C-alpha atoms as a PDB file:
ATOM      1  CA  MET A   1      -5.146  -1.780 -17.206  1.00  0.00           C
ATOM      2  CA  PHE A   2      -1.831  -0.248 -17.576  1.00  0.00           C
ATOM      3  CA  LYS A   3       0.907  -1.789 -19.740  1.00  0.00           C
ATOM      4  CA  LYS A   4       4.479  -2.546 -18.484  1.00  0.00           C
ATOM      5  CA  GLY A   5       6.745   0.135 -19.570  1.00  0.00           C
ATOM      6  CA  THR A   6       4.598   3.077 -18.854  1.00  0.00           C
ATOM      7  CA  LYS A   7       5.052   5.360 -15.904  1.00  0.00           C
ATOM      8  CA  LEU A   8       1.513   4.792 -14.818  1.00  0.00           C
ATOM      9  CA  TYR A   9       2.067   1.052 -14.402  1.00  0.00           C
ATOM     10  CA  SER A  10       4.986   1.774 -12.025  1.00  0.00           C
ATOM     11  CA  ILE A  11       3.112   4.630 -10.304  1.00  0.00           C
ATOM     12  CA  PHE A  12      -0.027   2.552  -9.461  1.00  0.00           C
ATOM     13  CA  THR A  13       1.631  -0.796  -8.855  1.00  0.00           C
ATOM     14  CA  GLY A  14       4.534   0.573  -6.754  1.00  0.00           C
ATOM     15  CA  SER A  15       6.983  -1.494  -8.892  1.00  0.00           C
ATOM     16  CA  CYS A  16      10.602  -0.656  -9.727  1.00  0.00           C
ATOM     17  CA  PRO A  17      10.574   2.347 -12.046  1.00  0.00           C
ATOM     18  CA  LYS A  18      13.540   0.910 -14.129  1.00  0.00           C
ATOM     19  CA  CYS A  19      12.470  -2.782 -14.764  1.00  0.00           C
ATOM     20  CA  HIS A  20       8.920  -2.867 -13.377  1.00  0.00           C
ATOM     21  CA  GLU A  21       9.617  -6.304 -11.997  1.00  0.00           C
ATOM     22  CA  GLU A  22       9.684  -6.043  -8.182  1.00  0.00           C
ATOM     23  CA  SER A  23       7.737  -3.950  -5.645  1.00  0.00           C
ATOM     24  CA  MET A  24       9.600  -1.065  -4.188  1.00  0.00           C
ATOM     25  CA  PHE A  25       7.858  -1.531  -0.896  1.00  0.00           C
ATOM     26  CA  LYS A  26       8.586  -4.373   1.576  1.00  0.00           C
ATOM     27  CA  ASN A  27       4.857  -4.854   2.263  1.00  0.00           C
ATOM     28  CA  LYS A  28       2.291  -4.331  -0.558  1.00  0.00           C
ATOM     29  CA  ASN A  29      -0.542  -3.488   1.908  1.00  0.00           C
ATOM     30  CA  PRO A  30      -0.299   0.212   2.554  1.00  0.00           C
ATOM     31  CA  TYR A  31      -2.499  -0.027   5.592  1.00  0.00           C
ATOM     32  CA  ILE A  32      -0.086  -1.873   7.788  1.00  0.00           C
ATOM     33  CA  LEU A  33       0.923   1.565   9.121  1.00  0.00           C
ATOM     34  CA  THR A  34       4.169   0.377  10.725  1.00  0.00           C
ATOM     35  CA  GLU A  35       5.471  -0.647   7.340  1.00  0.00           C
ATOM     36  CA  ALA A  36       3.596   1.773   5.132  1.00  0.00           C
ATOM     37  CA  LEU A  37       6.834   3.511   3.940  1.00  0.00           C
ATOM     38  CA  SER A  38       9.318   0.683   4.369  1.00  0.00           C
ATOM     39  CA  MET A  39      11.117   0.330   1.083  1.00  0.00           C
ATOM     40  CA  HIS A  40      13.826  -1.944  -0.181  1.00  0.00           C
ATOM     41  CA  GLU A  41      17.194  -0.397  -0.640  1.00  0.00           C
ATOM     42  CA  ASN A  42      17.799  -1.770  -4.187  1.00  0.00           C
ATOM     43  CA  CYS A  43      15.685  -3.704  -6.751  1.00  0.00           C
ATOM     44  CA  SER A  44      16.592  -7.457  -6.712  1.00  0.00           C
ATOM     45  CA  ASN A  45      16.141  -7.666 -10.460  1.00  0.00           C
ATOM     46  CA  CYS A  46      18.051  -4.703 -12.005  1.00  0.00           C
ATOM     47  CA  GLY A  47      19.849  -3.405  -8.800  1.00  0.00           C
ATOM     48  CA  THR A  48      18.386   0.183  -9.006  1.00  0.00           C
ATOM     49  CA  LYS A  49      18.961   2.102  -5.882  1.00  0.00           C
ATOM     50  CA  TYR A  50      15.660   3.567  -4.716  1.00  0.00           C
ATOM     51  CA  LYS A  51      16.992   6.218  -2.193  1.00  0.00           C
ATOM     52  CA  MET A  52      19.471   7.907  -4.592  1.00  0.00           C
ATOM     53  CA  GLU A  53      20.710  10.342  -1.894  1.00  0.00           C
ATOM     54  CA  PRO A  54      19.934  11.119   1.700  1.00  0.00           C
ATOM     55  CA  SER A  55      16.472  12.687   2.073  1.00  0.00           C
ATOM     56  CA  PHE A  56      15.591  11.986  -1.578  1.00  0.00           C
ATOM     57  CA  PHE A  57      11.867  11.440  -0.827  1.00  0.00           C
ATOM     58  CA  TYR A  58      11.403  14.851   0.904  1.00  0.00           C
ATOM     59  CA  GLY A  59      10.410  16.075  -2.472  1.00  0.00           C
ATOM     60  CA  SER A  60       7.456  13.737  -2.504  1.00  0.00           C
ATOM     61  CA  MET A  61       5.817  15.901   0.214  1.00  0.00           C
ATOM     62  CA  TYR A  62       5.092  18.399  -2.458  1.00  0.00           C
ATOM     63  CA  VAL A  63       3.665  15.764  -4.626  1.00  0.00           C
ATOM     64  CA  SER A  64       1.497  14.413  -1.666  1.00  0.00           C
ATOM     65  CA  TYR A  65      -0.026  17.825  -1.319  1.00  0.00           C
ATOM     66  CA  ALA A  66      -1.169  17.851  -4.994  1.00  0.00           C
ATOM     67  CA  VAL A  67      -2.399  14.228  -4.590  1.00  0.00           C
ATOM     68  CA  GLY A  68      -4.277  15.113  -1.498  1.00  0.00           C
ATOM     69  CA  ILE A  69      -6.006  17.968  -3.089  1.00  0.00           C
ATOM     70  CA  ALA A  70      -7.082  15.616  -5.940  1.00  0.00           C
ATOM     71  CA  PHE A  71      -8.628  13.283  -3.362  1.00  0.00           C
ATOM     72  CA  ALA A  72     -10.219  16.201  -1.442  1.00  0.00           C
ATOM     73  CA  THR A  73     -11.659  17.501  -4.628  1.00  0.00           C
ATOM     74  CA  ALA A  74     -13.126  14.166  -5.587  1.00  0.00           C
ATOM     75  CA  ALA A  75     -14.582  13.749  -2.096  1.00  0.00           C
ATOM     76  CA  PHE A  76     -16.145  17.252  -2.531  1.00  0.00           C
ATOM     77  CA  VAL A  77     -17.693  16.533  -5.951  1.00  0.00           C
ATOM     78  CA  ILE A  78     -19.098  13.256  -4.914  1.00  0.00           C
ATOM     79  CA  SER A  79     -20.656  14.388  -1.565  1.00  0.00           C
ATOM     80  CA  PHE A  80     -21.819  17.787  -2.649  1.00  0.00           C
ATOM     81  CA  PHE A  81     -22.964  17.101  -6.263  1.00  0.00           C
ATOM     82  CA  VAL A  82     -23.971  13.383  -6.081  1.00  0.00           C
ATOM     83  CA  PHE A  83     -25.345  13.164  -2.538  1.00  0.00           C
ATOM     84  CA  ASN A  84     -26.526  16.830  -2.236  1.00  0.00           C
ATOM     85  CA  ALA A  85     -24.898  16.920   1.208  1.00  0.00           C
ATOM     86  CA  SER A  86     -24.829  20.000   3.416  1.00  0.00           C
ATOM     87  CA  ILE A  87     -21.600  22.079   3.617  1.00  0.00           C
ATOM     88  CA  HIS A  88     -20.737  20.548   7.088  1.00  0.00           C
ATOM     89  CA  THR A  89     -21.201  17.087   5.791  1.00  0.00           C
ATOM     90  CA  VAL A  90     -19.157  17.940   2.781  1.00  0.00           C
ATOM     91  CA  PHE A  91     -16.302  19.065   5.120  1.00  0.00           C
ATOM     92  CA  ILE A  92     -16.421  15.944   7.213  1.00  0.00           C
ATOM     93  CA  SER A  93     -16.388  13.680   4.123  1.00  0.00           C
ATOM     94  CA  ILE A  94     -13.234  15.502   2.915  1.00  0.00           C
ATOM     95  CA  ILE A  95     -11.570  15.145   6.215  1.00  0.00           C
ATOM     96  CA  ALA A  96     -12.537  11.519   6.453  1.00  0.00           C
ATOM     97  CA  THR A  97     -11.362  10.790   2.843  1.00  0.00           C
ATOM     98  CA  LEU A  98      -7.906  12.289   3.554  1.00  0.00           C
ATOM     99  CA  ILE A  99      -7.505  10.309   6.707  1.00  0.00           C
ATOM    100  CA  VAL A 100      -8.699   6.870   5.240  1.00  0.00           C
ATOM    101  CA  PHE A 101      -6.526   7.315   2.173  1.00  0.00           C
ATOM    102  CA  MET A 102      -3.370   8.864   3.811  1.00  0.00           C
ATOM    103  CA  PRO A 103      -1.190   5.611   3.410  1.00  0.00           C
ATOM    104  CA  VAL A 104      -2.229   5.344  -0.265  1.00  0.00           C
ATOM    105  CA  ILE A 105      -1.510   9.087  -0.912  1.00  0.00           C
ATOM    106  CA  LEU A 106       2.037   8.702   0.725  1.00  0.00           C
ATOM    107  CA  ARG A 107       2.869   5.789  -1.393  1.00  0.00           C
ATOM    108  CA  VAL A 108       1.503   7.255  -4.664  1.00  0.00           C
ATOM    109  CA  SER A 109       3.306  10.391  -4.107  1.00  0.00           C
ATOM    110  CA  ARG A 110       6.659   8.499  -3.463  1.00  0.00           C
ATOM    111  CA  ASN A 111       5.993   6.448  -6.683  1.00  0.00           C
ATOM    112  CA  ILE A 112       5.363   9.516  -8.633  1.00  0.00           C
ATOM    113  CA  TRP A 113       8.477  11.350  -7.344  1.00  0.00           C
ATOM    114  CA  ILE A 114      10.869   8.518  -8.084  1.00  0.00           C
ATOM    115  CA  ASN A 115       9.275   8.091 -11.564  1.00  0.00           C
ATOM    116  CA  LEU A 116      10.209  11.708 -12.379  1.00  0.00           C
ATOM    117  CA  PHE A 117      13.860  10.753 -12.053  1.00  0.00           C
ATOM    118  CA  ILE A 118      14.258   7.102 -13.199  1.00  0.00           C
ATOM    119  CA  HIS A 119      13.016   5.919 -16.508  1.00  0.00           C
ATOM    120  CA  TYR A 120      11.874   2.386 -17.677  1.00  0.00           C
ATOM    121  CA  ASP A 121      14.561   0.358 -19.433  1.00  0.00           C
ATOM    122  CA  LYS A 122      13.031  -2.631 -21.424  1.00  0.00           C
ATOM    123  CA  ASN A 123      16.462  -4.305 -21.585  1.00  0.00           C
ATOM    124  CA  LEU A 124      16.405  -4.907 -17.788  1.00  0.00           C
ATOM    125  CA  ALA A 125      12.886  -6.414 -17.630  1.00  0.00           C
ATOM    126  CA  LYS A 126      12.694 -10.227 -17.321  1.00  0.00           C
ATOM    127  CA  LYS A 127      11.798 -12.039 -20.391  1.00  0.00           C
END
């Protein structure tokens, strides 16, 4: 769907933002909650250090707020306009959506945050 070398590829696959060859996360399944945010220290292909400084990913909290709002808005539109649900049901569907997709939101926000600072280098990608 997304081509290697684009920011969207790295964001949605969770791959290294510099070479797009290795997953940044130790476990690809975000729903194993004990390992949801466990990341490798460096990329095994290009050596990119993911945690550039202590507390680097604190900035992803601001991104996760925006991503959470996007998920909540989608839940609202689907439940209210598609299913014609009552306002109470809409509220419950928004809360349920945010709870169910919490691990995905956390990972996507980390991926967006690191991709703001590290850019793709086609010379580092495996041939």
